[in-house]
């Protein structure tokens, strides 16, 4: 038998007339590939990570729960039972599927496909559903979508009712199990005679030939082709004596009339020209159920249309009334201001005196436009380098709740902004946990009783060092307790499913389709604290914070408040040459540090400091932040921009500041300006490099500069 076990899973290739069985406990989440099999019987009686079936012809394939995708391509004349998280069939012809699928199944470029509800049973099946993370009550077998069909075209598959359980007894392995309900809601009961009331064929196949799959199947080992034929007849149904093949396996001998075009119906068990009574009953039940479903959907649609019309009418009435009331109040305030004149000593105080702060918040408006001192916004985009995966995290929030401020007495509110850029297989989880732990540390810190100014440089440095240390510890939990399986979106419709391998020198995540990747992760962190006009910043990694200043003659200049920790920064380069030259090489042209020797030889990283990065902790990559502040912001301070390298690789600090302020001066909210900054950075990266990194920005606009 051409079987190979690799670091990426188990493969069966180029077999003819063979019987293949994997018993419970022999796969344990491994990935399986079945390729170019002909006239084979395959039984995967265990849970798997993902399964690919390619180029199989005239095979009978039973696949236990799959914690990931089950992908069938270029298969023909096969009978299949499969339970999977995702299901896809492409370029398949005349294949019958008994299906459990936790998500919507899809087919493409296929013909003659028949789908019925999963009705498989073997000892230990319920435990394998749990191990694969599949909910037996969440079966979407009948929600098949043909993604290659034109709109309005007839489908290339049909849904049918299963009339037989496909049972696989195993010697000394316990009772048969099937936790999934049949299409009619009934549950499988081991040992019960499922003979139809009309006297038709039994719906349970417990023939003794199925025991050939038991561990003591010596006869099957001696004559695999004969054993396969015997098991096939027992499990799928033997051919009719008159030469007709019958429905076989799960399936009835006639399709349900559900509007799907597909393969031809067979004659049934009672002879040519006559319809089996059970088939007739199934046909009638399906027809009745579909008619009821169509009527219910029509009634529901009418009710929703009426409800929506009523809601819109009420909404527009309330909106018009509120607009009229606000206009009336505005006119009154303008008249009063014209009579009284502006108050205050300076231009800013006079402007404030003309604003009526008693107005309620208009529905749908940005609350920040009513704040006199600050306007904020943030945005994050995945770019396209990593498909749909975004490993950036952004936070922009008040440090204390209103209830906490009341309990703290006269303590002043503090705003925190943070941008984190994760890297590695689990980078998004590392960034998320790091952010949560750092914010939790800040909320429990001396900021509860002291202001930034009162803390001073030394107190603030100690506070932020501790917050970053707590964030580092939170991110490390991802690396030190990684999940056994991980899905990494690669841009395709399906996810690449990786399984953790820890037996070798390096811990790896392996996938049957996308190869193996090193287990490593970490994150940058750039954080700013704003309390009144006091500002403090800290960062580790190559994310950065920039302060924008208004120039007397117009326009804005930028001041970078943080240090970008990479090998091109003079201080970081000197630190590595001094302390780590024996193990680390600085690739200045590429902007990477590279390990020269040891178990991680050849590994490269673009930053010299990171949180949660344990892999190069002994080679100089530390979580220690650079801290600046506190400092008082003068009136000329216009904005603060925190961003990941997705922005700074596309724009200079001055370009980013002027882009934001130009948008705000043209009437955009700060939220819209942040979104525009991220979007423009992605466009520039795509134009210059043909791909864009994850891109994230948090923007704060101060005082009169927010342009409202």
Foldseek 3Di string as FASTA:
>chain_A
DPWDQDPFFIEDEDEELFEAEDAEPRGLAHEYEYYQYENYEYYDHAEYAEYEYENYECYEYEEAEYLFEYEYENYENYEYEYEYQEYEYENYEQYEYQYFYLDAYEYENYAFYEYFHHQEKEFPRVVRCVSSVHDLARGNRPRYYYPHDDPPDAARYAYFAFQAHQYAYAPPRDFIADPHAGPVRDGDDTPDFQQDPVRDDTRYQPDPLSHCSYPPNPVCVVPVNVSSVSNQCRRFNCAAPVRWRAQTHGGHQCTAPPRHDHDHGTQGDPDRPDHDPVRVVRNVVSVVVNVVVVVVVVVVVVVVVVVVVVVVVVVVVVLVVVVVVVVVVLVVLVVVCVVVPFDDDDPQNRVVRSDDLVDDDRPPDDPQVSDQWKFWAKDWAAWPPQARDFLKDKDWAKLDDPVLDVVLPPQFIKIKIKIKGKDDQCGSQLNVQLVVQLSVLLSVDCSSHDDQVRCPDVNVLVSNQVSLVRSLVRSLCCLVPPDQWGWGDRNDPTTFIWGWDDPDPFIWTHGNPPGIDGRWMFMKMWMWMQTPQWIKIKIFAQWWKKWWFADPVGAIDIDTPADHAFCLGVVNVVVLVVPAPVFWDQPPVVQWIAGCDDPRHGDIDNGQETRNTPPCPVRRHYSGMDMDDTDGDDPRTFKMKTKGVLLVVQDPRRVLVRQQLVCQQVPDGSNVSNVVSQVVSSVSCCVPPVITHIIMMMMMTTGPSSND
